[in-house]
Amino acid sequence: MLSGGNQMRITATLGRTKFLKTLLNRYWNENIVIAGTSAGAMAMSNTMIYEGNPFRTHLKGEVKITTGLRMIDNVIFDSHFEKRGRFVRLAQAVASNPGCIGIGLGEDTGMIITKGNRMEAIGSGLIIIIDGHEVVHTNIADIPEGNPMSIENLRVHFCARGNGYIIDERKFVEKMGKETTPVMSDIV
């Protein structure tokens, strides 16, 4: 279980350690459960947000991104999503990394992720998924730092308990059935 606090501290403490190497090896080769809350969840992905003031995240360069613990590729997690107004922060992270799916975790809510691909929403809150795969236009690469970004055709999904999402297919699933519910899962 990776606790909250500061995701940069988590990655700086665990990065390049024998412990992380062993954990990643077990994660990819055994049926183990890894969980994270707040910063602990954010640190799990390959691409990790570590900073971004919600009042300035519409401006290029205001969202700071680095490498996380590399437990799951092609996603970017953000926590306390609704409560702290982080929609635009995650949208900028996805616009800068359109191969990634943005996953905004609300309070008292999480995702069960199986084999790095199948996700199911749990808890009483809301999960917001931001997908930049079909973006037609964004100015994020062309504008100077500090200028407002534009994005066309960003896809957004709202997931309540029981809804799911298949990362590889970029597909919303209304109700994850028993055949898709994991026996051993990675909980984020």
Protein backbone atom coordinates (compact mmCIF):
# COMPACT_ATOMS: atom_id res chain seq x y z
CA MET A 1 0.00 0.00 0.00
CA LEU A 2 1.45 3.31 -1.10
CA SER A 3 0.15 6.10 1.11
CA GLY A 4 -0.58 9.72 0.35
CA GLY A 5 1.61 12.72 0.93
CA ASN A 6 3.93 13.76 -1.85
CA GLN A 7 4.30 11.69 -5.02
CA MET A 8 7.73 13.17 -5.75
CA ARG A 9 8.90 11.98 -2.33
CA ILE A 10 7.55 8.49 -3.06
CA THR A 11 9.30 8.25 -6.44
CA ALA A 12 12.52 9.85 -5.18
CA THR A 13 12.63 7.47 -2.21
CA LEU A 14 11.78 4.28 -4.12
CA GLY A 15 13.28 5.02 -7.54
CA ARG A 16 16.27 2.87 -8.52
CA THR A 17 16.07 0.86 -5.30
CA LYS A 18 16.26 -2.91 -5.00
CA PHE A 19 12.86 -2.75 -3.29
CA LEU A 20 11.22 -1.10 -6.33
CA LYS A 21 12.91 -3.53 -8.71
CA THR A 22 11.61 -6.46 -6.64
CA LEU A 23 8.13 -4.90 -6.38
CA LEU A 24 7.92 -4.32 -10.15
CA ASN A 25 9.14 -7.85 -10.85
CA ARG A 26 6.49 -9.31 -8.55
CA TYR A 27 3.83 -6.97 -9.94
CA TRP A 28 4.44 -8.10 -13.53
CA ASN A 29 5.06 -11.79 -12.81
CA GLU A 30 2.88 -12.76 -9.84
CA ASN A 31 -0.70 -12.34 -8.66
CA ILE A 32 -0.23 -9.62 -6.07
CA VAL A 33 -2.35 -6.65 -5.07
CA ILE A 34 -0.80 -3.18 -5.00
CA ALA A 35 -2.85 -0.26 -3.74
CA GLY A 36 -2.31 3.46 -3.50
CA THR A 37 -4.17 6.39 -2.08
CA SER A 38 -3.76 10.03 -3.11
CA ALA A 39 -0.07 10.57 -3.94
CA GLY A 40 0.45 6.80 -3.70
CA ALA A 41 -2.00 6.28 -6.56
CA MET A 42 -0.52 9.12 -8.62
CA ALA A 43 3.00 7.68 -8.29
CA MET A 44 2.06 4.31 -9.81
CA SER A 45 1.90 5.38 -13.44
CA ASN A 46 4.79 5.83 -15.85
CA THR A 47 3.80 9.46 -16.51
CA MET A 48 3.15 11.33 -13.24
CA ILE A 49 1.81 14.79 -12.43
CA TYR A 50 3.68 16.32 -9.52
CA GLU A 51 2.48 19.91 -9.50
CA GLY A 52 -0.13 22.23 -11.00
CA ASN A 53 -2.11 25.11 -9.48
CA PRO A 54 -5.78 24.62 -10.53
CA PHE A 55 -6.16 28.35 -11.25
CA ARG A 56 -3.31 28.37 -13.80
CA THR A 57 -3.40 24.91 -15.37
CA HIS A 58 -4.96 26.23 -18.58
CA LEU A 59 -1.57 27.84 -19.28
CA LYS A 60 1.15 25.81 -20.98
CA GLY A 61 3.90 24.79 -18.58
CA GLU A 62 1.86 25.11 -15.38
CA VAL A 63 1.37 21.35 -15.08
CA LYS A 64 4.57 19.63 -14.04
CA ILE A 65 5.08 16.05 -15.20
CA THR A 66 7.82 13.51 -14.52
CA THR A 67 8.32 9.74 -14.46
CA GLY A 68 6.45 7.75 -11.84
CA LEU A 69 7.08 4.23 -10.54
CA ARG A 70 6.23 2.63 -13.91
CA MET A 71 3.69 0.11 -12.61
CA ILE A 72 1.24 0.94 -15.38
CA ASP A 73 1.86 2.48 -18.80
CA ASN A 74 -0.37 4.75 -20.85
CA VAL A 75 -2.24 6.33 -17.94
CA ILE A 76 -1.85 9.44 -15.82
CA PHE A 77 -3.55 9.46 -12.42
CA ASP A 78 -4.77 12.55 -10.60
CA SER A 79 -6.31 12.37 -7.14
CA HIS A 80 -8.77 14.54 -5.17
CA PHE A 81 -10.01 15.28 -8.66
CA GLU A 82 -13.38 16.95 -8.10
CA LYS A 83 -12.70 18.44 -4.69
CA ARG A 84 -9.58 20.30 -5.85
CA GLY A 85 -10.78 21.22 -9.36
CA ARG A 86 -8.15 19.28 -11.31
CA PHE A 87 -9.96 18.67 -14.62
CA VAL A 88 -7.92 21.18 -16.65
CA ARG A 89 -4.70 19.99 -15.00
CA LEU A 90 -5.31 16.43 -16.18
CA ALA A 91 -6.49 17.67 -19.61
CA GLN A 92 -3.15 19.48 -20.09
CA ALA A 93 -1.22 16.39 -19.00
CA VAL A 94 -3.14 14.30 -21.56
CA ALA A 95 -2.75 16.94 -24.31
CA SER A 96 1.01 16.81 -23.70
CA ASN A 97 0.96 12.98 -23.65
CA PRO A 98 -1.92 11.96 -25.97
CA GLY A 99 -0.98 8.30 -25.83
CA CYS A 100 -2.02 8.32 -22.17
CA ILE A 101 -5.46 8.01 -20.63
CA GLY A 102 -6.08 10.51 -17.82
CA ILE A 103 -7.78 9.04 -14.76
CA GLY A 104 -9.21 11.53 -12.26
CA LEU A 105 -9.93 9.85 -8.93
CA GLY A 106 -12.67 11.44 -6.82
CA GLU A 107 -12.92 11.19 -3.04
CA ASP A 108 -13.87 7.76 -1.63
CA THR A 109 -13.42 6.30 -5.10
CA GLY A 110 -10.90 4.12 -6.88
CA MET A 111 -10.25 1.87 -9.84
CA ILE A 112 -9.55 -1.83 -9.79
CA ILE A 113 -7.08 -2.37 -12.62
CA THR A 114 -6.41 -5.86 -13.90
CA LYS A 115 -3.43 -6.75 -16.09
CA GLY A 116 -2.78 -3.05 -16.73
CA ASN A 117 -5.81 -2.87 -19.02
CA ARG A 118 -9.25 -3.54 -17.53
CA MET A 119 -10.55 -0.98 -15.05
CA GLU A 120 -13.64 -1.01 -12.82
CA ALA A 121 -14.80 1.95 -10.73
CA ILE A 122 -15.38 1.32 -7.03
CA GLY A 123 -16.52 3.52 -4.16
CA SER A 124 -19.20 6.14 -3.73
CA GLY A 125 -17.71 8.94 -5.85
CA LEU A 126 -16.84 9.56 -9.47
CA ILE A 127 -13.96 8.63 -11.76
CA ILE A 128 -13.36 10.87 -14.76
CA ILE A 129 -11.46 9.46 -17.72
CA ILE A 130 -9.88 11.85 -20.21
CA ASP A 131 -8.80 10.37 -23.54
CA GLY A 132 -6.69 12.38 -25.99
CA HIS A 133 -6.38 9.67 -28.61
CA GLU A 134 -8.83 11.33 -31.02
CA VAL A 135 -7.68 14.93 -30.49
CA VAL A 136 -7.86 16.73 -33.82
CA HIS A 137 -6.07 19.90 -32.76
CA THR A 138 -4.06 21.15 -29.82
CA ASN A 139 -1.71 24.10 -29.70
CA ILE A 140 0.27 22.73 -26.73
CA ALA A 141 3.42 22.08 -28.80
CA ASP A 142 3.34 25.40 -30.65
CA ILE A 143 2.67 28.06 -28.01
CA PRO A 144 5.17 29.64 -25.63
CA GLU A 145 5.08 28.82 -21.91
CA GLY A 146 2.40 30.75 -20.04
CA ASN A 147 -0.09 30.94 -22.93
CA PRO A 148 -3.56 29.32 -22.88
CA MET A 149 -3.86 25.93 -24.50
CA SER A 150 -6.55 24.81 -26.91
CA ILE A 151 -7.74 21.26 -27.50
CA GLU A 152 -10.32 19.95 -29.96
CA ASN A 153 -12.11 16.61 -29.62
CA LEU A 154 -10.93 15.55 -26.18
CA ARG A 155 -13.06 12.60 -25.05
CA VAL A 156 -14.35 12.46 -21.47
CA HIS A 157 -16.05 9.59 -19.64
CA PHE A 158 -17.71 9.72 -16.22
CA CYS A 159 -17.54 6.41 -14.36
CA ALA A 160 -19.61 5.56 -11.30
CA ARG A 161 -19.37 2.33 -9.30
CA GLY A 162 -19.50 -0.69 -11.60
CA ASN A 163 -18.66 1.19 -14.80
CA GLY A 164 -15.46 0.18 -16.47
CA TYR A 165 -12.94 1.11 -19.10
CA ILE A 166 -10.67 -0.97 -21.34
CA ILE A 167 -7.42 0.96 -21.85
CA ASP A 168 -6.13 -0.88 -24.94
CA GLU A 169 -9.48 -0.49 -26.72
CA ARG A 170 -10.16 2.98 -25.26
CA LYS A 171 -13.66 1.76 -24.55
CA PHE A 172 -16.17 2.71 -21.84
CA VAL A 173 -18.00 -0.28 -20.35
CA GLU A 174 -21.39 0.42 -18.81
CA LYS A 175 -21.34 -2.55 -16.43
CA MET A 176 -18.36 -4.76 -15.82
CA GLY A 177 -19.75 -8.31 -15.72
CA LYS A 178 -18.67 -11.16 -13.53
CA GLU A 179 -16.63 -12.55 -16.41
CA THR A 180 -14.52 -9.37 -16.37
CA THR A 181 -14.21 -9.00 -12.61
CA PRO A 182 -10.70 -9.97 -11.51
CA VAL A 183 -9.83 -12.52 -8.87
CA MET A 184 -6.52 -10.85 -8.07
CA SER A 185 -6.40 -7.16 -8.90
CA ASP A 186 -4.21 -4.14 -8.75
CA ILE A 187 -6.11 -1.46 -6.87
CA VAL A 188 -5.32 2.17 -7.55
